[in-house]
Amino acid sequence: MRLPCPEKSFYKNEFLAKLDAILERLPFENRSVFVLAEFEGLTYAEIAEIEEISIGTVKSRLSRTKEKLRSVFKEYKD
């Protein structure tokens, strides 16, 4: 069994804390779509039905949210 490197654990925890903080600051509509897609693994159609929005709106909210996250997390890129 391999133990996690303390430095990796630190950065992973820091990353997750930052992700949580950023998600909390997003508009509820964008956060909801992101969580349903990325954490729950739902399809665009399923999210559209749950949120009562079009698939196009799901895609645009998800795209805007991912772009925001990419810009914030550039520093974590390998």
Protein backbone atom coordinates (compact mmCIF):
# COMPACT_ATOMS: atom_id res chain seq x y z
CA MET A 1 0.00 0.00 0.00
CA ARG A 2 1.33 3.38 -0.98
CA LEU A 3 0.85 6.28 1.40
CA PRO A 4 -0.09 9.66 -0.07
CA CYS A 5 2.64 12.23 -0.35
CA PRO A 6 2.00 14.98 2.22
CA GLU A 7 2.58 17.65 -0.40
CA LYS A 8 0.07 16.07 -2.79
CA SER A 9 -2.47 15.77 0.01
CA PHE A 10 -1.97 19.41 0.90
CA TYR A 11 -2.49 20.57 -2.69
CA LYS A 12 -5.48 18.29 -3.16
CA ASN A 13 -7.10 19.64 -0.01
CA GLU A 14 -6.27 23.20 -1.03
CA PHE A 15 -7.73 22.57 -4.49
CA LEU A 16 -10.94 21.08 -3.09
CA ALA A 17 -11.35 23.94 -0.62
CA LYS A 18 -10.87 26.47 -3.40
CA LEU A 19 -13.31 24.61 -5.67
CA ASP A 20 -15.91 24.61 -2.90
CA ALA A 21 -15.44 28.33 -2.28
CA ILE A 22 -15.76 29.15 -5.97
CA LEU A 23 -18.84 26.99 -6.41
CA GLU A 24 -20.47 28.75 -3.46
CA ARG A 25 -19.95 32.11 -5.18
CA LEU A 26 -21.46 31.02 -8.49
CA PRO A 27 -25.07 31.83 -9.26
CA PHE A 28 -27.26 28.99 -8.01
CA GLU A 29 -28.40 28.15 -11.56
CA ASN A 30 -24.84 27.63 -12.79
CA ARG A 31 -23.74 25.75 -9.67
CA SER A 32 -26.74 23.45 -9.87
CA VAL A 33 -26.11 22.55 -13.52
CA PHE A 34 -22.40 21.98 -12.85
CA VAL A 35 -23.02 19.71 -9.86
CA LEU A 36 -25.66 17.70 -11.69
CA ALA A 37 -23.39 17.20 -14.70
CA GLU A 38 -19.99 16.74 -13.10
CA PHE A 39 -20.75 15.16 -9.73
CA GLU A 40 -24.02 13.36 -10.43
CA GLY A 41 -23.15 12.39 -14.01
CA LEU A 42 -26.51 13.37 -15.47
CA THR A 43 -27.02 13.99 -19.19
CA TYR A 44 -27.92 17.39 -20.60
CA ALA A 45 -31.46 16.13 -21.20
CA GLU A 46 -31.84 14.94 -17.61
CA ILE A 47 -30.52 18.23 -16.25
CA ALA A 48 -32.81 20.21 -18.57
CA GLU A 49 -35.79 18.26 -17.28
CA ILE A 50 -34.84 18.67 -13.61
CA GLU A 51 -34.06 22.38 -13.96
CA GLU A 52 -36.97 22.98 -16.35
CA ILE A 53 -34.73 24.70 -18.90
CA SER A 54 -33.67 23.94 -22.47
CA ILE A 55 -30.71 21.75 -23.31
CA GLY A 56 -29.08 24.81 -24.89
CA THR A 57 -29.34 26.65 -21.58
CA VAL A 58 -27.80 23.67 -19.78
CA LYS A 59 -24.89 23.70 -22.23
CA SER A 60 -24.30 27.44 -21.95
CA ARG A 61 -24.45 27.45 -18.14
CA LEU A 62 -22.10 24.51 -17.96
CA SER A 63 -19.72 26.08 -20.47
CA ARG A 64 -19.61 29.41 -18.59
CA THR A 65 -19.03 27.63 -15.29
CA LYS A 66 -16.23 25.46 -16.66
CA GLU A 67 -14.56 28.50 -18.24
CA LYS A 68 -14.70 30.32 -14.91
CA LEU A 69 -13.18 27.32 -13.13
CA ARG A 70 -10.46 26.95 -15.78
CA SER A 71 -9.44 30.57 -15.38
CA VAL A 72 -9.28 30.28 -11.59
CA PHE A 73 -7.39 26.99 -11.58
CA LYS A 74 -4.72 27.76 -14.20
CA GLU A 75 -2.14 27.60 -11.41
CA TYR A 76 -2.97 23.94 -10.69
CA LYS A 77 -2.34 22.84 -14.26
CA ASP A 78 0.52 20.38 -14.64
